[in-house]
Amino acid sequence: MAAVVTGAARGIGFSIAQSLEKLGNEVVYADISFPQDFPCGENAVVCDISNAEARQNLLSETIKRYGTADMLVNNAGVAPAVRMDILETTQESFERVIRINLEGTFFMTQIFANQMVKQGSGRIINIASISSHTSSTARGEYCISKAGMSMVTQLFADRLAEYGIGVFEIRPGIIMTDMTAGVKDKYAKLIEEGLTPIKRFGQPQDVADVVAAVAEGRFDFCTGQVFNVDGGFHVRRL
């Protein structure tokens, strides 16, 4: 199976790609840039998911290398460059986050979905966030982009079901990555105080393990399913 993982240069994306390789898949590591010492350079493709030409090139390169595109993991995304209260959020910041996280994901899914329809098979996983359903007024544009991504999952799950193509969503919680490094102490305190029933940071591998299970076909009758990888954050508690 040939799998494409966006945002694969580090963090969650890299762990996902590595786990898929361990299952015996051919994996394309896609990202906007890679470090010079990237260990999987021969499988890396530079791709800005907000750029239509770059998206098409990623698909074309995948087909050129492997003749098929069996799985797409939409993991690439950005946080606001500066956290701002929604009463002060700039149009520039809003448009940047939406363009990459939502628009980029939608159209990446679209072109890979059309390829999968031609093939008659495939799986798509969107890496959303607890921010899909959780208010964070200091980064509203991020929450809106992830909520939109959740609807992208539902729409394509509905549209592609007749072709046997499953579309799934993973909502990571507080995961130890570069994105959370700047607020590590804040989140550590909240976790210790009971924000999540499981009192630890999530690790990229926690997300990768779910992707691996989907890749193995264990959830093929569950298209549209949302997997909360959040230490129980989503559980409503008294």
Protein backbone atom coordinates (compact mmCIF):
# COMPACT_ATOMS: atom_id res chain seq x y z
CA MET A 1 0.00 0.00 0.00
CA ALA A 2 1.21 3.50 -0.82
CA ALA A 3 0.45 6.07 1.87
CA VAL A 4 0.94 9.84 1.87
CA VAL A 5 1.35 11.70 5.16
CA THR A 6 1.39 15.50 5.15
CA GLY A 7 3.22 17.44 7.83
CA ALA A 8 5.51 14.45 8.14
CA ALA A 9 8.84 16.16 8.85
CA ARG A 10 8.35 16.01 12.61
CA GLY A 11 5.98 15.41 15.49
CA ILE A 12 2.71 13.58 14.95
CA GLY A 13 3.17 13.33 11.19
CA PHE A 14 6.59 11.73 11.44
CA SER A 15 5.35 9.18 13.99
CA ILE A 16 2.41 8.32 11.74
CA ALA A 17 4.65 7.84 8.72
CA GLN A 18 7.07 5.69 10.67
CA SER A 19 4.26 3.49 11.99
CA LEU A 20 2.86 3.00 8.49
CA GLU A 21 6.31 2.01 7.25
CA LYS A 22 6.62 -0.56 10.02
CA LEU A 23 3.41 -2.14 8.72
CA GLY A 24 5.14 -2.65 5.38
CA ASN A 25 3.66 0.28 3.49
CA GLU A 26 5.41 2.56 1.04
CA VAL A 27 5.22 6.03 2.58
CA VAL A 28 5.59 9.48 1.08
CA TYR A 29 6.69 12.02 3.70
CA ALA A 30 5.23 15.38 2.63
CA ASP A 31 6.00 18.70 4.28
CA ILE A 32 6.70 22.31 3.41
CA SER A 33 10.37 21.82 4.36
CA PHE A 34 12.69 19.18 5.80
CA PRO A 35 15.83 19.41 7.94
CA GLN A 36 19.07 18.59 6.15
CA ASP A 37 19.57 15.50 8.28
CA PHE A 38 16.03 14.18 7.73
CA PRO A 39 16.34 10.38 8.06
CA CYS A 40 13.83 9.53 5.33
CA GLY A 41 14.98 11.98 2.69
CA GLU A 42 14.61 9.52 -0.18
CA ASN A 43 10.88 9.35 0.55
CA ALA A 44 10.37 13.08 1.14
CA VAL A 45 8.36 15.39 -1.12
CA VAL A 46 8.23 19.12 -0.47
CA CYS A 47 4.63 20.30 -0.50
CA ASP A 48 2.86 23.44 0.64
CA ILE A 49 -0.67 22.11 1.07
CA SER A 50 -2.15 25.58 0.57
CA ASN A 51 -0.80 25.65 -3.00
CA ALA A 52 -2.83 23.92 -5.73
CA GLU A 53 0.19 23.15 -7.91
CA ALA A 54 2.06 21.66 -4.96
CA ARG A 55 -0.91 19.47 -4.06
CA GLN A 56 -1.13 18.14 -7.59
CA ASN A 57 2.61 17.53 -7.68
CA LEU A 58 2.36 15.48 -4.48
CA LEU A 59 -0.28 13.24 -6.00
CA SER A 60 1.56 12.96 -9.31
CA GLU A 61 4.83 12.09 -7.58
CA THR A 62 3.08 9.42 -5.52
CA ILE A 63 1.56 7.82 -8.61
CA LYS A 64 4.88 8.07 -10.46
CA ARG A 65 6.70 6.26 -7.66
CA TYR A 66 4.18 3.62 -6.68
CA GLY A 67 1.45 3.55 -9.32
CA THR A 68 -1.24 4.06 -6.73
CA ALA A 69 -2.32 6.27 -3.82
CA ASP A 70 -3.99 4.03 -1.27
CA MET A 71 -4.01 6.22 1.81
CA LEU A 72 -3.90 9.93 2.59
CA VAL A 73 -3.28 11.26 6.08
CA ASN A 74 -4.05 14.98 6.25
CA ASN A 75 -1.88 15.97 9.19
CA ALA A 76 -0.25 19.23 8.04
CA GLY A 77 -1.48 22.36 9.74
CA VAL A 78 -0.46 25.52 11.55
CA ALA A 79 -1.36 27.39 14.69
CA PRO A 80 -1.74 31.17 14.71
CA ALA A 81 1.65 32.87 14.58
CA VAL A 82 0.53 34.96 17.55
CA ARG A 83 -2.26 34.04 19.94
CA MET A 84 -4.81 36.83 20.07
CA ASP A 85 -8.18 37.30 21.72
CA ILE A 86 -10.97 36.93 19.17
CA LEU A 87 -11.83 40.60 19.76
CA GLU A 88 -8.41 41.43 18.29
CA THR A 89 -7.73 38.64 15.76
CA THR A 90 -6.48 40.03 12.47
CA GLN A 91 -7.85 39.14 9.08
CA GLU A 92 -4.32 38.22 7.98
CA SER A 93 -3.98 35.62 10.74
CA PHE A 94 -7.46 34.25 10.15
CA GLU A 95 -6.96 33.86 6.42
CA ARG A 96 -3.55 32.20 6.84
CA VAL A 97 -4.82 29.54 9.24
CA ILE A 98 -7.98 28.85 7.24
CA ARG A 99 -6.07 28.71 3.95
CA ILE A 100 -3.67 26.07 5.22
CA ASN A 101 -5.67 24.03 7.72
CA LEU A 102 -9.08 24.01 6.06
CA GLU A 103 -8.80 25.00 2.41
CA GLY A 104 -5.58 23.04 1.96
CA THR A 105 -7.05 19.94 3.59
CA PHE A 106 -10.29 20.13 1.59
CA PHE A 107 -8.61 20.34 -1.79
CA MET A 108 -5.92 17.82 -0.92
CA THR A 109 -8.69 15.41 0.00
CA GLN A 110 -10.52 16.22 -3.20
CA ILE A 111 -7.68 15.36 -5.58
CA PHE A 112 -6.72 12.19 -3.73
CA ALA A 113 -10.38 11.17 -3.50
CA ASN A 114 -10.74 11.42 -7.26
CA GLN A 115 -7.66 9.24 -7.70
CA MET A 116 -9.06 6.70 -5.24
CA VAL A 117 -12.38 6.64 -7.09
CA LYS A 118 -10.47 5.70 -10.25
CA GLN A 119 -8.67 2.97 -8.33
CA GLY A 120 -11.83 1.75 -6.64
CA SER A 121 -10.33 1.82 -3.16
CA GLY A 122 -8.54 3.94 -0.59
CA ARG A 123 -8.62 5.41 2.90
CA ILE A 124 -8.38 9.02 4.08
CA ILE A 125 -7.66 10.18 7.62
CA ASN A 126 -7.94 13.78 8.77
CA ILE A 127 -5.98 14.79 11.86
CA ALA A 128 -8.23 17.40 13.43
CA SER A 129 -8.10 18.39 17.11
CA ILE A 130 -10.06 18.70 20.32
CA SER A 131 -10.29 22.29 19.09
CA SER A 132 -12.92 21.02 16.64
CA HIS A 133 -15.38 21.15 19.54
CA THR A 134 -13.58 23.15 22.25
CA SER A 135 -13.57 26.93 22.55
CA SER A 136 -10.19 28.61 22.86
CA THR A 137 -10.81 32.32 22.52
CA ALA A 138 -7.10 33.17 22.19
CA ARG A 139 -6.87 31.22 18.93
CA GLY A 140 -10.31 31.30 17.42
CA GLU A 141 -9.11 30.94 13.84
CA TYR A 142 -7.49 27.61 14.73
CA CYS A 143 -10.68 26.30 16.35
CA ILE A 144 -12.74 27.32 13.33
CA SER A 145 -10.30 25.66 10.94
CA LYS A 146 -10.44 22.38 12.86
CA ALA A 147 -14.22 22.47 13.19
CA GLY A 148 -14.34 22.93 9.43
CA MET A 149 -11.99 19.98 8.96
CA SER A 150 -14.42 17.84 10.95
CA MET A 151 -17.14 18.65 8.43
CA VAL A 152 -14.74 17.87 5.59
CA THR A 153 -14.47 14.39 7.09
CA GLN A 154 -18.24 13.94 7.22
CA LEU A 155 -18.79 15.26 3.71
CA PHE A 156 -16.20 13.04 2.06
CA ALA A 157 -17.21 10.01 4.16
CA ASP A 158 -20.72 10.45 2.80
CA ARG A 159 -19.68 11.10 -0.79
CA LEU A 160 -17.09 8.32 -1.07
CA ALA A 161 -18.91 5.51 0.76
CA GLU A 162 -20.41 4.16 -2.47
CA TYR A 163 -16.88 3.60 -3.78
CA GLY A 164 -15.73 1.71 -0.71
CA ILE A 165 -13.40 4.55 0.32
CA GLY A 166 -13.35 5.15 4.07
CA VAL A 167 -12.83 8.61 5.53
CA PHE A 168 -11.95 8.98 9.21
CA GLU A 169 -11.03 11.67 11.70
CA ILE A 170 -8.66 11.69 14.64
CA ARG A 171 -8.94 14.42 17.27
CA PRO A 172 -5.70 14.59 19.24
CA GLY A 173 -5.79 16.24 22.62
CA ILE A 174 -2.81 17.75 24.38
CA ILE A 175 0.09 16.09 22.59
CA MET A 176 3.75 16.69 23.37
CA THR A 177 5.00 18.31 20.16
CA ASP A 178 6.72 21.49 19.03
CA MET A 179 3.30 23.12 18.74
CA THR A 180 2.62 22.71 22.46
CA ALA A 181 6.18 23.30 23.67
CA GLY A 182 5.58 26.99 24.30
CA VAL A 183 2.66 26.30 26.64
CA LYS A 184 3.98 23.07 28.16
CA ASP A 185 3.94 24.31 31.75
CA LYS A 186 0.40 25.64 31.44
CA TYR A 187 -0.92 22.36 30.08
CA ALA A 188 1.06 20.26 32.56
CA LYS A 189 -0.62 22.11 35.41
CA LEU A 190 -4.08 21.70 33.87
CA ILE A 191 -3.54 17.99 33.31
CA GLU A 192 -2.35 17.50 36.88
CA GLU A 193 -5.43 19.35 38.12
CA GLY A 194 -7.70 16.93 36.27
CA LEU A 195 -8.33 18.47 32.85
CA THR A 196 -8.03 14.96 31.40
CA PRO A 197 -8.97 11.71 33.17
CA ILE A 198 -5.66 10.20 32.04
CA LYS A 199 -3.15 12.47 33.72
CA ARG A 200 -0.36 12.71 31.17
CA PHE A 201 0.50 14.44 27.93
CA GLY A 202 -0.37 12.48 24.84
CA GLN A 203 2.52 11.37 22.67
CA PRO A 204 2.70 11.40 18.85
CA GLN A 205 2.75 7.61 18.95
CA ASP A 206 -0.70 7.60 20.59
CA VAL A 207 -2.08 9.16 17.42
CA ALA A 208 0.04 6.99 15.14
CA ASP A 209 -1.30 3.83 16.76
CA VAL A 210 -4.85 4.74 15.75
CA VAL A 211 -3.79 5.55 12.20
CA ALA A 212 -2.08 2.17 12.01
CA ALA A 213 -5.26 0.39 13.10
CA VAL A 214 -7.26 2.18 10.41
CA ALA A 215 -4.59 1.39 7.81
CA GLU A 216 -4.88 -2.30 8.65
CA GLY A 217 -8.56 -2.21 7.70
CA ARG A 218 -9.95 -2.77 11.17
CA PHE A 219 -12.46 0.06 10.84
CA ASP A 220 -13.55 -0.24 7.21
CA PHE A 221 -17.24 -0.44 8.21
CA CYS A 222 -16.91 2.73 10.30
CA THR A 223 -16.51 5.47 7.70
CA GLY A 224 -17.00 8.94 9.15
CA GLN A 225 -15.90 7.75 12.58
CA VAL A 226 -14.17 10.21 14.93
CA PHE A 227 -11.42 8.83 17.17
CA ASN A 228 -10.74 10.95 20.25
CA VAL A 229 -7.07 10.53 21.16
CA ASP A 230 -7.24 12.92 24.07
CA GLY A 231 -6.79 11.07 27.36
CA GLY A 232 -10.54 11.21 27.95
CA PHE A 233 -10.81 14.99 27.56
CA HIS A 234 -14.05 14.59 25.59
CA VAL A 235 -15.79 12.74 28.45
CA ARG A 236 -18.38 14.93 30.15
CA ARG A 237 -17.85 14.73 33.88
CA LEU A 238 -19.35 16.09 37.08
